[in-house]
Amino acid sequence: MSKKRSEIEILADILQITRKGAKKSHIVYKANLNFKIVKYYIELLEKSDLISGPEDSSRLFNITEKGIKYLDHFEAFKEYVKL
């Protein structure tokens, strides 16, 4: 039986994908989401200053320092509760 990911897990997945920079289409495919859902999460992550949007012609989204801290806390939490 497959388990649905929580919003917190999806956010962590997207942050992990953006560590080396990622286009929106790469986020869609690597996070196994559709474009409509990814748009929602990208907006949420940008408003929270966890990722930065494309600033040049590369169209890459990148994780911020705050996003890296989020991932660190998420990983620590997973260890704590054995997810």
Protein backbone atom coordinates (compact mmCIF):
# COMPACT_ATOMS: atom_id res chain seq x y z
CA MET A 1 0.00 0.00 0.00
CA SER A 2 1.44 3.39 -0.94
CA LYS A 3 1.55 6.21 1.56
CA LYS A 4 0.69 9.75 0.52
CA ARG A 5 3.31 12.37 1.25
CA SER A 6 2.46 15.16 3.63
CA GLU A 7 2.81 18.80 2.63
CA ILE A 8 5.96 19.00 4.76
CA GLU A 9 7.48 16.06 2.87
CA ILE A 10 6.58 17.55 -0.51
CA LEU A 11 8.19 20.86 0.47
CA ALA A 12 11.34 19.00 1.55
CA ASP A 13 11.39 17.07 -1.74
CA ILE A 14 11.19 20.30 -3.75
CA LEU A 15 13.89 21.91 -1.63
CA GLN A 16 16.13 18.92 -2.16
CA ILE A 17 15.57 19.12 -5.93
CA THR A 18 16.50 22.82 -5.98
CA ARG A 19 19.85 22.32 -4.18
CA LYS A 20 21.70 22.38 -7.51
CA GLY A 21 19.16 24.59 -9.28
CA ALA A 22 16.14 23.24 -11.13
CA LYS A 23 13.69 24.39 -13.77
CA LYS A 24 9.99 24.12 -12.99
CA SER A 25 9.61 21.15 -15.35
CA HIS A 26 12.40 19.30 -13.54
CA ILE A 27 10.70 19.94 -10.21
CA VAL A 28 7.44 18.56 -11.64
CA TYR A 29 9.00 15.33 -12.83
CA LYS A 30 11.45 14.72 -9.99
CA ALA A 31 8.86 15.46 -7.28
CA ASN A 32 6.20 13.44 -9.13
CA LEU A 33 3.66 16.29 -9.09
CA ASN A 34 1.68 18.15 -11.75
CA PHE A 35 2.33 21.72 -12.90
CA LYS A 36 -0.68 23.15 -11.05
CA ILE A 37 0.42 21.66 -7.73
CA VAL A 38 4.06 22.67 -8.26
CA LYS A 39 2.98 26.26 -8.98
CA TYR A 40 1.26 26.35 -5.57
CA TYR A 41 4.31 24.95 -3.74
CA ILE A 42 6.79 27.19 -5.58
CA GLU A 43 4.74 30.26 -4.62
CA LEU A 44 4.62 29.07 -1.01
CA LEU A 45 8.36 28.39 -0.90
CA GLU A 46 9.19 31.76 -2.50
CA LYS A 47 6.91 33.66 -0.09
CA SER A 48 8.58 31.85 2.80
CA ASP A 49 12.04 32.69 1.39
CA LEU A 50 12.98 29.02 1.18
CA ILE A 51 13.75 29.15 -2.55
CA SER A 52 14.63 31.96 -4.91
CA GLY A 53 13.01 32.23 -8.31
CA PRO A 54 14.71 32.57 -11.65
CA GLU A 55 16.69 35.80 -11.87
CA ASP A 56 18.24 35.29 -15.29
CA SER A 57 17.74 33.41 -18.53
CA SER A 58 18.63 30.08 -16.87
CA ARG A 59 15.11 29.90 -15.34
CA LEU A 60 16.45 27.93 -12.38
CA PHE A 61 14.95 27.86 -8.92
CA ASN A 62 17.53 27.65 -6.13
CA ILE A 63 17.33 26.80 -2.45
CA THR A 64 18.17 29.62 -0.02
CA GLU A 65 20.07 29.44 3.27
CA LYS A 66 16.72 29.39 5.05
CA GLY A 67 15.65 26.48 2.85
CA ILE A 68 18.80 24.56 3.74
CA LYS A 69 17.99 25.07 7.43
CA TYR A 70 14.45 23.77 6.78
CA LEU A 71 15.91 20.61 5.23
CA ASP A 72 18.30 20.15 8.14
CA HIS A 73 15.44 20.40 10.63
CA PHE A 74 13.28 18.09 8.51
CA GLU A 75 16.01 15.44 8.38
CA ALA A 76 16.54 15.72 12.15
CA PHE A 77 12.80 15.32 12.72
CA LYS A 78 12.70 12.23 10.49
CA GLU A 79 15.46 10.68 12.57
CA TYR A 80 13.64 11.56 15.76
CA VAL A 81 10.36 9.93 14.73
CA LYS A 82 11.90 7.27 12.44
CA LEU A 83 9.98 8.23 9.27
